[in-house]
Amino acid sequence: GTAIGKLHASDLVQFIGYGGALVIAWFGARQLAAEPPNDWKWLMPYRALILPVTTLAIVAISYGVLLFICDPFLSKSGKGIYNWIFIAAIVASIVWLILSWVQKSAALVASTDTRKLRKAA
């Protein structure tokens, strides 16, 4: 029941916990994209997609996480602006994902499949 103004302490604790987990997940994905383990050679053609996919997931999840601390302070119009900001962020993440696929990964996947077909023949 402890509150700091309109903000409940439990909401603040949940925001810190979930927000920290999202930050760690994003940095983990960044590290995985930069230096994938040697055992994961199958990941190489998809390496450019790791960060956009992770960013898309984190943006979608962070909608609820940020709501923990923003909700008490948002009016009806503020909530609409909040929703549109996240819609724009999700669309931007999807565009980044599509561009990463088209510009980087699609050619690598196609060349990998061609090599597999040549080895099979």
Protein backbone atom coordinates (compact mmCIF):
# COMPACT_ATOMS: atom_id res chain seq x y z
CA GLY A 1 0.00 0.00 0.00
CA THR A 2 2.99 2.36 0.04
CA ALA A 3 2.79 5.11 -2.57
CA ILE A 4 4.93 7.95 -3.78
CA GLY A 5 2.30 10.43 -4.93
CA LYS A 6 0.13 8.53 -7.39
CA LEU A 7 2.80 5.87 -7.97
CA HIS A 8 2.60 2.69 -5.89
CA ALA A 9 5.87 1.21 -4.66
CA SER A 10 4.93 -2.23 -5.98
CA ASP A 11 4.52 -0.79 -9.50
CA LEU A 12 7.94 0.84 -9.24
CA VAL A 13 9.54 -2.44 -8.12
CA GLN A 14 7.87 -4.33 -10.98
CA PHE A 15 9.05 -1.69 -13.45
CA ILE A 16 12.64 -1.94 -12.21
CA GLY A 17 12.61 -5.75 -12.28
CA TYR A 18 10.97 -6.22 -15.68
CA GLY A 19 12.81 -3.26 -17.19
CA GLY A 20 16.14 -4.64 -16.02
CA ALA A 21 15.31 -8.03 -17.52
CA LEU A 22 14.45 -6.41 -20.86
CA VAL A 23 17.71 -4.45 -20.89
CA ILE A 24 19.71 -7.60 -20.12
CA ALA A 25 17.85 -9.49 -22.87
CA TRP A 26 18.60 -6.78 -25.42
CA PHE A 27 22.30 -6.64 -24.52
CA GLY A 28 22.43 -10.46 -24.64
CA ALA A 29 20.95 -10.41 -28.14
CA ARG A 30 23.44 -7.75 -29.16
CA GLN A 31 26.30 -9.91 -27.91
CA LEU A 32 24.89 -12.98 -29.66
CA ALA A 33 24.63 -11.07 -32.93
CA ALA A 34 28.21 -9.80 -32.61
CA GLU A 35 29.84 -13.08 -31.52
CA PRO A 36 27.71 -16.21 -31.98
CA PRO A 37 29.04 -19.40 -30.36
CA ASN A 38 31.12 -21.69 -32.57
CA ASP A 39 28.58 -24.49 -32.12
CA TRP A 40 25.85 -22.39 -33.71
CA LYS A 41 27.06 -22.22 -37.32
CA TRP A 42 23.47 -22.55 -38.53
CA LEU A 43 22.82 -19.09 -37.06
CA MET A 44 25.26 -17.26 -39.34
CA PRO A 45 22.82 -16.44 -42.19
CA TYR A 46 20.28 -15.15 -39.66
CA ARG A 47 22.72 -13.16 -37.56
CA ALA A 48 21.53 -9.81 -38.93
CA LEU A 49 17.98 -10.61 -37.77
CA ILE A 50 18.77 -11.22 -34.10
CA LEU A 51 18.78 -7.60 -33.01
CA PRO A 52 15.69 -6.49 -35.00
CA VAL A 53 13.64 -9.47 -33.77
CA THR A 54 14.73 -8.88 -30.19
CA THR A 55 14.01 -5.17 -30.47
CA LEU A 56 10.52 -5.92 -31.80
CA ALA A 57 9.80 -8.27 -28.91
CA ILE A 58 11.20 -5.87 -26.33
CA VAL A 59 9.24 -2.91 -27.68
CA ALA A 60 6.04 -4.94 -27.56
CA ILE A 61 6.74 -6.18 -24.03
CA SER A 62 7.88 -2.78 -22.76
CA TYR A 63 4.42 -1.36 -23.48
CA GLY A 64 3.12 -3.04 -20.34
CA VAL A 65 6.31 -2.51 -18.37
CA LEU A 66 6.34 1.25 -18.87
CA LEU A 67 2.65 1.35 -18.06
CA PHE A 68 3.54 0.42 -14.47
CA ILE A 69 5.00 3.87 -13.88
CA CYS A 70 3.21 5.93 -16.53
CA ASP A 71 -0.38 4.80 -16.02
CA PRO A 72 -1.10 6.83 -12.86
CA PHE A 73 0.00 10.02 -14.63
CA LEU A 74 -1.69 9.55 -18.02
CA SER A 75 -4.93 11.27 -18.88
CA LYS A 76 -7.23 9.91 -21.57
CA SER A 77 -5.46 11.89 -24.30
CA GLY A 78 -2.08 11.01 -22.78
CA LYS A 79 -2.97 7.31 -22.98
CA GLY A 80 -3.81 7.77 -26.67
CA ILE A 81 -0.44 9.41 -27.31
CA TYR A 82 1.27 6.63 -25.34
CA ASN A 83 -0.48 4.01 -27.49
CA TRP A 84 0.49 5.75 -30.74
CA ILE A 85 4.12 6.04 -29.65
CA PHE A 86 4.23 2.28 -29.18
CA ILE A 87 2.44 1.64 -32.46
CA ALA A 88 5.07 3.77 -34.23
CA ALA A 89 7.89 1.98 -32.39
CA ILE A 90 6.50 -1.45 -33.32
CA VAL A 91 6.10 -0.44 -36.96
CA ALA A 92 9.66 0.94 -36.99
CA SER A 93 10.95 -2.34 -35.53
CA ILE A 94 9.07 -4.32 -38.17
CA VAL A 95 10.49 -2.13 -40.94
CA TRP A 96 14.00 -2.67 -39.53
CA LEU A 97 13.37 -6.43 -39.44
CA ILE A 98 12.14 -6.51 -43.05
CA LEU A 99 15.03 -4.38 -44.30
CA SER A 100 17.54 -6.56 -42.45
CA TRP A 101 16.03 -9.65 -44.05
CA VAL A 102 15.99 -8.19 -47.56
CA GLN A 103 19.39 -6.49 -47.45
CA LYS A 104 21.44 -8.98 -45.46
CA SER A 105 19.94 -12.34 -44.56
CA ALA A 106 17.97 -13.36 -47.66
CA ALA A 107 21.07 -13.57 -49.85
CA LEU A 108 23.00 -15.51 -47.20
CA VAL A 109 20.15 -17.99 -46.72
CA ALA A 110 19.82 -18.46 -50.49
CA SER A 111 23.54 -19.09 -50.90
CA THR A 112 23.51 -21.53 -47.97
CA ASP A 113 20.62 -23.49 -49.50
CA THR A 114 22.40 -23.57 -52.87
CA ARG A 115 25.52 -25.02 -51.24
CA LYS A 116 23.44 -27.71 -49.53
CA LEU A 117 21.83 -28.64 -52.85
CA ARG A 118 25.22 -28.85 -54.56
CA LYS A 119 26.56 -31.12 -51.82
CA ALA A 120 23.50 -33.36 -52.11
CA ALA A 121 23.96 -33.68 -55.89
